[in-house]
């Protein structure tokens, strides 16, 4: 079980999208949940993404600023899922 940073609900890891900070400091999406690095989890709900983006909670959790490209990739991944 992991906690969504948008809605604070606990859900199985498979139901969430992982934002990953690699050991090199790069921010990417980890749709498999298996890559090495620090992760922040998010529901596949666009409302949670908007809430998370406004609150900057993921950036605080990962310790780095998240580039616009990653936010755009998250939006695209969620649109693909739904």
PDB file of N, CA and C in Angstrom:
ATOM      1  N   UNK A   1       0.836  -1.178   0.000  1.00  0.00           N
ATOM      2  CA  UNK A   1       0.000   0.000   0.000  1.00  0.00           C
ATOM      3  C   UNK A   1       0.887   1.250   0.000  1.00  0.00           C
ATOM      4  N   UNK A   2       0.483   2.204  -0.813  1.00  0.00           N
ATOM      5  CA  UNK A   2       1.194   3.481  -0.891  1.00  0.00           C
ATOM      6  C   UNK A   2       0.163   4.600  -0.758  1.00  0.00           C
ATOM      7  N   UNK A   3       0.619   5.796  -0.383  1.00  0.00           N
ATOM      8  CA  UNK A   3      -0.281   6.927  -0.198  1.00  0.00           C
ATOM      9  C   UNK A   3      -0.177   7.882  -1.377  1.00  0.00           C
ATOM     10  N   UNK A   4      -1.323   8.232  -1.929  1.00  0.00           N
ATOM     11  CA  UNK A   4      -1.379   9.235  -2.992  1.00  0.00           C
ATOM     12  C   UNK A   4      -1.116  10.600  -2.367  1.00  0.00           C
ATOM     13  N   UNK A   5      -0.198  11.358  -2.943  1.00  0.00           N
ATOM     14  CA  UNK A   5       0.109  12.686  -2.416  1.00  0.00           C
ATOM     15  C   UNK A   5      -0.953  13.717  -2.771  1.00  0.00           C
ATOM     16  N   UNK A   6      -1.860  13.375  -3.679  1.00  0.00           N
ATOM     17  CA  UNK A   6      -2.929  14.293  -4.052  1.00  0.00           C
ATOM     18  C   UNK A   6      -4.115  14.215  -3.109  1.00  0.00           C
ATOM     19  N   UNK A   7      -4.632  13.000  -2.893  1.00  0.00           N
ATOM     20  CA  UNK A   7      -5.844  12.831  -2.079  1.00  0.00           C
ATOM     21  C   UNK A   7      -5.571  12.215  -0.713  1.00  0.00           C
ATOM     22  N   UNK A   8      -4.344  11.780  -0.459  1.00  0.00           N
ATOM     23  CA  UNK A   8      -3.925  11.166   0.813  1.00  0.00           C
ATOM     24  C   UNK A   8      -4.554   9.807   1.088  1.00  0.00           C
ATOM     25  N   UNK A   9      -5.137   9.172   0.071  1.00  0.00           N
ATOM     26  CA  UNK A   9      -5.716   7.840   0.249  1.00  0.00           C
ATOM     27  C   UNK A   9      -4.636   6.787   0.056  1.00  0.00           C
ATOM     28  N   UNK A  10      -4.746   5.695   0.822  1.00  0.00           N
ATOM     29  CA  UNK A  10      -3.822   4.571   0.670  1.00  0.00           C
ATOM     30  C   UNK A  10      -4.421   3.598  -0.343  1.00  0.00           C
ATOM     31  N   UNK A  11      -3.610   3.224  -1.325  1.00  0.00           N
ATOM     32  CA  UNK A  11      -4.052   2.328  -2.385  1.00  0.00           C
ATOM     33  C   UNK A  11      -2.936   1.351  -2.717  1.00  0.00           C
ATOM     34  N   UNK A  12      -3.271   0.241  -3.368  1.00  0.00           N
ATOM     35  CA  UNK A  12      -2.222  -0.679  -3.808  1.00  0.00           C
ATOM     36  C   UNK A  12      -1.287   0.013  -4.803  1.00  0.00           C
ATOM     37  N   UNK A  13      -0.034  -0.332  -4.729  1.00  0.00           N
ATOM     38  CA  UNK A  13       1.001   0.280  -5.558  1.00  0.00           C
ATOM     39  C   UNK A  13       0.664   0.212  -7.052  1.00  0.00           C
ATOM     40  N   UNK A  14       0.033  -0.843  -7.481  1.00  0.00           N
ATOM     41  CA  UNK A  14      -0.280  -1.053  -8.903  1.00  0.00           C
ATOM     42  C   UNK A  14      -1.289  -0.028  -9.413  1.00  0.00           C
ATOM     43  N   UNK A  15      -2.094   0.565  -8.526  1.00  0.00           N
ATOM     44  CA  UNK A  15      -3.114   1.537  -8.922  1.00  0.00           C
ATOM     45  C   UNK A  15      -2.581   2.964  -8.996  1.00  0.00           C
ATOM     46  N   UNK A  16      -1.312   3.163  -8.667  1.00  0.00           N
ATOM     47  CA  UNK A  16      -0.734   4.498  -8.599  1.00  0.00           C
ATOM     48  C   UNK A  16       0.358   4.699  -9.643  1.00  0.00           C
ATOM     49  N   UNK A  17       0.630   5.948  -9.956  1.00  0.00           N
ATOM     50  CA  UNK A  17       1.727   6.337 -10.842  1.00  0.00           C
ATOM     51  C   UNK A  17       2.852   6.837  -9.945  1.00  0.00           C
ATOM     52  N   UNK A  18       4.087   6.488 -10.281  1.00  0.00           N
ATOM     53  CA  UNK A  18       5.234   6.884  -9.467  1.00  0.00           C
ATOM     54  C   UNK A  18       6.044   7.959 -10.183  1.00  0.00           C
ATOM     55  N   UNK A  19       6.294   9.053  -9.475  1.00  0.00           N
ATOM     56  CA  UNK A  19       7.205  10.083  -9.956  1.00  0.00           C
ATOM     57  C   UNK A  19       8.538   9.761  -9.298  1.00  0.00           C
ATOM     58  N   UNK A  20       9.579   9.629 -10.087  1.00  0.00           N
ATOM     59  CA  UNK A  20      10.855   9.118  -9.602  1.00  0.00           C
ATOM     60  C   UNK A  20      11.967  10.148  -9.699  1.00  0.00           C
ATOM     61  N   UNK A  21      12.738  10.278  -8.627  1.00  0.00           N
ATOM     62  CA  UNK A  21      13.991  11.036  -8.667  1.00  0.00           C
ATOM     63  C   UNK A  21      15.100   9.996  -8.651  1.00  0.00           C
ATOM     64  N   UNK A  22      15.823   9.924  -9.762  1.00  0.00           N
ATOM     65  CA  UNK A  22      16.895   8.937  -9.879  1.00  0.00           C
ATOM     66  C   UNK A  22      18.075   9.336  -8.991  1.00  0.00           C
ATOM     67  N   UNK A  23      19.003   8.415  -8.740  1.00  0.00           N
ATOM     68  CA  UNK A  23      20.194   8.759  -7.958  1.00  0.00           C
ATOM     69  C   UNK A  23      21.011   9.900  -8.586  1.00  0.00           C
ATOM     70  N   UNK A  24      20.867  10.108  -9.892  1.00  0.00           N
ATOM     71  CA  UNK A  24      21.563  11.201 -10.581  1.00  0.00           C
ATOM     72  C   UNK A  24      20.828  12.527 -10.452  1.00  0.00           C
ATOM     73  N   UNK A  25      19.609  12.511  -9.874  1.00  0.00           N
ATOM     74  CA  UNK A  25      18.838  13.730  -9.672  1.00  0.00           C
ATOM     75  C   UNK A  25      17.838  14.034 -10.772  1.00  0.00           C
ATOM     76  N   UNK A  26      17.685  13.144 -11.730  1.00  0.00           N
ATOM     77  CA  UNK A  26      16.736  13.339 -12.834  1.00  0.00           C
ATOM     78  C   UNK A  26      15.328  12.955 -12.373  1.00  0.00           C
ATOM     79  N   UNK A  27      14.323  13.703 -12.830  1.00  0.00           N
ATOM     80  CA  UNK A  27      12.922  13.416 -12.500  1.00  0.00           C
ATOM     81  C   UNK A  27      12.268  12.772 -13.718  1.00  0.00           C
ATOM     82  N   UNK A  28      11.681  11.588 -13.523  1.00  0.00           N
ATOM     83  CA  UNK A  28      11.005  10.867 -14.598  1.00  0.00           C
ATOM     84  C   UNK A  28       9.768  10.174 -14.046  1.00  0.00           C
ATOM     85  N   UNK A  29       8.990   9.609 -14.944  1.00  0.00           N
ATOM     86  CA  UNK A  29       7.865   8.765 -14.548  1.00  0.00           C
ATOM     87  C   UNK A  29       8.324   7.318 -14.519  1.00  0.00           C
ATOM     88  N   UNK A  30       7.883   6.599 -13.519  1.00  0.00           N
ATOM     89  CA  UNK A  30       8.179   5.178 -13.413  1.00  0.00           C
ATOM     90  C   UNK A  30       6.856   4.439 -13.399  1.00  0.00           C
ATOM     91  N   UNK A  31       6.408   4.037 -14.565  1.00  0.00           N
ATOM     92  CA  UNK A  31       5.118   3.351 -14.665  1.00  0.00           C
ATOM     93  C   UNK A  31       5.200   1.906 -14.198  1.00  0.00           C
ATOM     94  N   UNK A  32       6.420   1.341 -14.124  1.00  0.00           N
ATOM     95  CA  UNK A  32       6.590  -0.035 -13.660  1.00  0.00           C
ATOM     96  C   UNK A  32       6.706  -0.108 -12.141  1.00  0.00           C
ATOM     97  N   UNK A  33       7.172   0.975 -11.512  1.00  0.00           N
ATOM     98  CA  UNK A  33       7.340   0.991 -10.068  1.00  0.00           C
ATOM     99  C   UNK A  33       8.560   0.233  -9.592  1.00  0.00           C
ATOM    100  N   UNK A  34       9.483  -0.080 -10.506  1.00  0.00           N
ATOM    101  CA  UNK A  34      10.628  -0.912 -10.161  1.00  0.00           C
ATOM    102  C   UNK A  34      11.978  -0.223 -10.305  1.00  0.00           C
ATOM    103  N   UNK A  35      11.993   0.988 -10.842  1.00  0.00           N
ATOM    104  CA  UNK A  35      13.270   1.666 -11.050  1.00  0.00           C
ATOM    105  C   UNK A  35      13.849   2.128  -9.719  1.00  0.00           C
ATOM    106  N   UNK A  36      15.154   2.272  -9.672  1.00  0.00           N
ATOM    107  CA  UNK A  36      15.851   2.675  -8.466  1.00  0.00           C
ATOM    108  C   UNK A  36      15.755   4.179  -8.256  1.00  0.00           C
ATOM    109  N   UNK A  37      15.497   4.598  -7.024  1.00  0.00           N
ATOM    110  CA  UNK A  37      15.443   6.017  -6.704  1.00  0.00           C
ATOM    111  C   UNK A  37      14.333   6.332  -5.725  1.00  0.00           C
ATOM    112  N   UNK A  38      14.181   7.598  -5.419  1.00  0.00           N
ATOM    113  CA  UNK A  38      13.159   8.081  -4.496  1.00  0.00           C
ATOM    114  C   UNK A  38      11.861   8.295  -5.256  1.00  0.00           C
ATOM    115  N   UNK A  39      10.757   7.780  -4.746  1.00  0.00           N
ATOM    116  CA  UNK A  39       9.492   7.878  -5.448  1.00  0.00           C
ATOM    117  C   UNK A  39       8.420   8.619  -4.681  1.00  0.00           C
ATOM    118  N   UNK A  40       7.527   9.245  -5.422  1.00  0.00           N
ATOM    119  CA  UNK A  40       6.325   9.876  -4.889  1.00  0.00           C
ATOM    120  C   UNK A  40       5.157   9.298  -5.686  1.00  0.00           C
ATOM    121  N   UNK A  41       4.100   8.910  -5.007  1.00  0.00           N
ATOM    122  CA  UNK A  41       2.997   8.224  -5.661  1.00  0.00           C
ATOM    123  C   UNK A  41       1.782   9.125  -5.829  1.00  0.00           C
ATOM    124  N   UNK A  42       1.038   8.841  -6.897  1.00  0.00           N
ATOM    125  CA  UNK A  42      -0.105   9.655  -7.274  1.00  0.00           C
ATOM    126  C   UNK A  42      -1.173   8.776  -7.910  1.00  0.00           C
ATOM    127  N   UNK A  43      -2.449   9.019  -7.541  1.00  0.00           N
ATOM    128  CA  UNK A  43      -3.572   8.320  -8.180  1.00  0.00           C
ATOM    129  C   UNK A  43      -3.585   8.626  -9.674  1.00  0.00           C
ATOM    130  N   UNK A  44      -4.257   7.803 -10.419  1.00  0.00           N
ATOM    131  CA  UNK A  44      -4.407   8.043 -11.858  1.00  0.00           C
ATOM    132  C   UNK A  44      -5.627   8.927 -12.119  1.00  0.00           C
ATOM    133  N   UNK A  45      -5.956   9.770 -11.176  1.00  0.00           N
ATOM    134  CA  UNK A  45      -7.094  10.677 -11.263  1.00  0.00           C
ATOM    135  C   UNK A  45      -6.590  12.085 -11.578  1.00  0.00           C
ATOM    136  N   UNK A  46      -7.077  12.703 -12.656  1.00  0.00           N
ATOM    137  CA  UNK A  46      -6.636  14.057 -13.006  1.00  0.00           C
ATOM    138  C   UNK A  46      -6.856  15.091 -11.896  1.00  0.00           C
ATOM    139  N   UNK A  47      -7.878  14.907 -11.071  1.00  0.00           N
ATOM    140  CA  UNK A  47      -8.127  15.844  -9.962  1.00  0.00           C
ATOM    141  C   UNK A  47      -6.986  15.785  -8.946  1.00  0.00           C
ATOM    142  N   UNK A  48      -6.466  14.597  -8.694  1.00  0.00           N
ATOM    143  CA  UNK A  48      -5.331  14.449  -7.767  1.00  0.00           C
ATOM    144  C   UNK A  48      -4.087  15.110  -8.341  1.00  0.00           C
ATOM    145  N   UNK A  49      -3.901  14.993  -9.636  1.00  0.00           N
ATOM    146  CA  UNK A  49      -2.745  15.622 -10.282  1.00  0.00           C
ATOM    147  C   UNK A  49      -2.811  17.140 -10.134  1.00  0.00           C
ATOM    148  N   UNK A  50      -3.980  17.719 -10.379  1.00  0.00           N
ATOM    149  CA  UNK A  50      -4.136  19.171 -10.244  1.00  0.00           C
ATOM    150  C   UNK A  50      -3.875  19.617  -8.807  1.00  0.00           C
ATOM    151  N   UNK A  51      -4.392  18.863  -7.859  1.00  0.00           N
ATOM    152  CA  UNK A  51      -4.206  19.183  -6.452  1.00  0.00           C
ATOM    153  C   UNK A  51      -2.724  19.093  -6.063  1.00  0.00           C
ATOM    154  N   UNK A  52      -2.057  18.055  -6.533  1.00  0.00           N
ATOM    155  CA  UNK A  52      -0.641  17.855  -6.235  1.00  0.00           C
ATOM    156  C   UNK A  52       0.216  18.941  -6.869  1.00  0.00           C
ATOM    157  N   UNK A  53      -0.107  19.297  -8.078  1.00  0.00           N
ATOM    158  CA  UNK A  53       0.663  20.329  -8.784  1.00  0.00           C
ATOM    159  C   UNK A  53       0.558  21.677  -8.074  1.00  0.00           C
ATOM    160  N   UNK A  54      -0.630  22.015  -7.578  1.00  0.00           N
ATOM    161  CA  UNK A  54      -0.839  23.270  -6.846  1.00  0.00           C
ATOM    162  C   UNK A  54      -0.108  23.277  -5.508  1.00  0.00           C
ATOM    163  N   UNK A  55      -0.157  22.157  -4.803  1.00  0.00           N
ATOM    164  CA  UNK A  55       0.404  22.101  -3.454  1.00  0.00           C
ATOM    165  C   UNK A  55       1.926  21.971  -3.427  1.00  0.00           C
ATOM    166  N   UNK A  56       2.515  21.517  -4.538  1.00  0.00           N
ATOM    167  CA  UNK A  56       3.963  21.299  -4.631  1.00  0.00           C
ATOM    168  C   UNK A  56       4.456  20.270  -3.608  1.00  0.00           C
ATOM    169  N   UNK A  57       3.569  19.406  -3.182  1.00  0.00           N
ATOM    170  CA  UNK A  57       3.910  18.386  -2.191  1.00  0.00           C
ATOM    171  C   UNK A  57       4.893  17.358  -2.751  1.00  0.00           C
ATOM    172  N   UNK A  58       4.779  17.025  -4.018  1.00  0.00           N
ATOM    173  CA  UNK A  58       5.695  16.061  -4.631  1.00  0.00           C
ATOM    174  C   UNK A  58       7.106  16.630  -4.672  1.00  0.00           C
ATOM    175  N   UNK A  59       7.209  17.910  -4.956  1.00  0.00           N
ATOM    176  CA  UNK A  59       8.530  18.545  -5.002  1.00  0.00           C
ATOM    177  C   UNK A  59       9.171  18.536  -3.622  1.00  0.00           C
ATOM    178  N   UNK A  60       8.386  18.772  -2.590  1.00  0.00           N
ATOM    179  CA  UNK A  60       8.910  18.717  -1.227  1.00  0.00           C
ATOM    180  C   UNK A  60       9.318  17.292  -0.871  1.00  0.00           C
ATOM    181  N   UNK A  61       8.515  16.326  -1.305  1.00  0.00           N
ATOM    182  CA  UNK A  61       8.786  14.922  -1.022  1.00  0.00           C
ATOM    183  C   UNK A  61      10.061  14.446  -1.706  1.00  0.00           C
ATOM    184  N   UNK A  62      10.272  14.870  -2.949  1.00  0.00           N
ATOM    185  CA  UNK A  62      11.442  14.438  -3.715  1.00  0.00           C
ATOM    186  C   UNK A  62      12.662  15.322  -3.480  1.00  0.00           C
ATOM    187  N   UNK A  63      12.458  16.511  -2.963  1.00  0.00           N
ATOM    188  CA  UNK A  63      13.570  17.402  -2.672  1.00  0.00           C
ATOM    189  C   UNK A  63      14.123  18.156  -3.865  1.00  0.00           C
ATOM    190  N   UNK A  64      13.387  18.182  -4.971  1.00  0.00           N
ATOM    191  CA  UNK A  64      13.803  18.912  -6.177  1.00  0.00           C
ATOM    192  C   UNK A  64      12.575  19.489  -6.872  1.00  0.00           C
ATOM    193  N   UNK A  65      12.803  20.477  -7.722  1.00  0.00           N
ATOM    194  CA  UNK A  65      11.711  21.038  -8.523  1.00  0.00           C
ATOM    195  C   UNK A  65      11.372  20.070  -9.657  1.00  0.00           C
ATOM    196  N   UNK A  66      10.091  19.921  -9.925  1.00  0.00           N
ATOM    197  CA  UNK A  66       9.654  19.026 -10.996  1.00  0.00           C
ATOM    198  C   UNK A  66       9.448  19.850 -12.256  1.00  0.00           C
ATOM    199  N   UNK A  67      10.157  19.493 -13.343  1.00  0.00           N
ATOM    200  CA  UNK A  67      10.037  20.255 -14.589  1.00  0.00           C
ATOM    201  C   UNK A  67       8.641  20.139 -15.209  1.00  0.00           C
ATOM    202  N   UNK A  68       8.276  21.136 -16.003  1.00  0.00           N
ATOM    203  CA  UNK A  68       6.978  21.149 -16.688  1.00  0.00           C
ATOM    204  C   UNK A  68       6.802  19.921 -17.575  1.00  0.00           C
ATOM    205  N   UNK A  69       7.890  19.426 -18.164  1.00  0.00           N
ATOM    206  CA  UNK A  69       7.807  18.253 -19.048  1.00  0.00           C
ATOM    207  C   UNK A  69       7.274  17.039 -18.294  1.00  0.00           C
ATOM    208  N   UNK A  70       7.674  16.889 -17.028  1.00  0.00           N
ATOM    209  CA  UNK A  70       7.214  15.747 -16.234  1.00  0.00           C
ATOM    210  C   UNK A  70       5.727  15.898 -15.922  1.00  0.00           C
ATOM    211  N   UNK A  71       5.302  17.113 -15.569  1.00  0.00           N
ATOM    212  CA  UNK A  71       3.875  17.336 -15.322  1.00  0.00           C
ATOM    213  C   UNK A  71       3.068  17.042 -16.586  1.00  0.00           C
ATOM    214  N   UNK A  72       3.586  17.483 -17.748  1.00  0.00           N
ATOM    215  CA  UNK A  72       2.904  17.229 -19.018  1.00  0.00           C
ATOM    216  C   UNK A  72       2.842  15.732 -19.320  1.00  0.00           C
ATOM    217  N   UNK A  73       3.920  15.018 -19.025  1.00  0.00           N
ATOM    218  CA  UNK A  73       3.953  13.569 -19.241  1.00  0.00           C
ATOM    219  C   UNK A  73       2.954  12.870 -18.325  1.00  0.00           C
ATOM    220  N   UNK A  74       2.824  13.349 -17.103  1.00  0.00           N
ATOM    221  CA  UNK A  74       1.837  12.787 -16.186  1.00  0.00           C
ATOM    222  C   UNK A  74       0.424  12.986 -16.719  1.00  0.00           C
ATOM    223  N   UNK A  75       0.146  14.190 -17.198  1.00  0.00           N
ATOM    224  CA  UNK A  75      -1.182  14.464 -17.763  1.00  0.00           C
ATOM    225  C   UNK A  75      -1.465  13.559 -18.956  1.00  0.00           C
ATOM    226  N   UNK A  76      -0.462  13.383 -19.815  1.00  0.00           N
ATOM    227  CA  UNK A  76      -0.614  12.520 -20.995  1.00  0.00           C
ATOM    228  C   UNK A  76      -0.838  11.072 -20.590  1.00  0.00           C
ATOM    229  N   UNK A  77      -0.098  10.598 -19.589  1.00  0.00           N
ATOM    230  CA  UNK A  77      -0.239   9.212 -19.124  1.00  0.00           C
ATOM    231  C   UNK A  77      -1.624   8.987 -18.545  1.00  0.00           C
ATOM    232  N   UNK A  78      -2.137   9.970 -17.817  1.00  0.00           N
ATOM    233  CA  UNK A  78      -3.470   9.836 -17.238  1.00  0.00           C
ATOM    234  C   UNK A  78      -4.547   9.866 -18.314  1.00  0.00           C
ATOM    235  N   UNK A  79      -4.352  10.682 -19.325  1.00  0.00           N
ATOM    236  CA  UNK A  79      -5.316  10.741 -20.433  1.00  0.00           C
ATOM    237  C   UNK A  79      -5.342   9.408 -21.178  1.00  0.00           C
ATOM    238  N   UNK A  80      -4.167   8.781 -21.304  1.00  0.00           N
ATOM    239  CA  UNK A  80      -4.058   7.479 -21.973  1.00  0.00           C
ATOM    240  C   UNK A  80      -4.791   6.397 -21.176  1.00  0.00           C
ATOM    241  N   UNK A  81      -4.649   6.443 -19.855  1.00  0.00           N
ATOM    242  CA  UNK A  81      -5.266   5.450 -18.968  1.00  0.00           C
ATOM    243  C   UNK A  81      -6.794   5.529 -19.003  1.00  0.00           C
ATOM    244  N   UNK A  82      -7.319   6.756 -19.081  1.00  0.00           N
ATOM    245  CA  UNK A  82      -8.779   6.935 -19.024  1.00  0.00           C
ATOM    246  C   UNK A  82      -9.326   6.917 -20.382  1.00  0.00           C
TER     247      UNK A  82
END
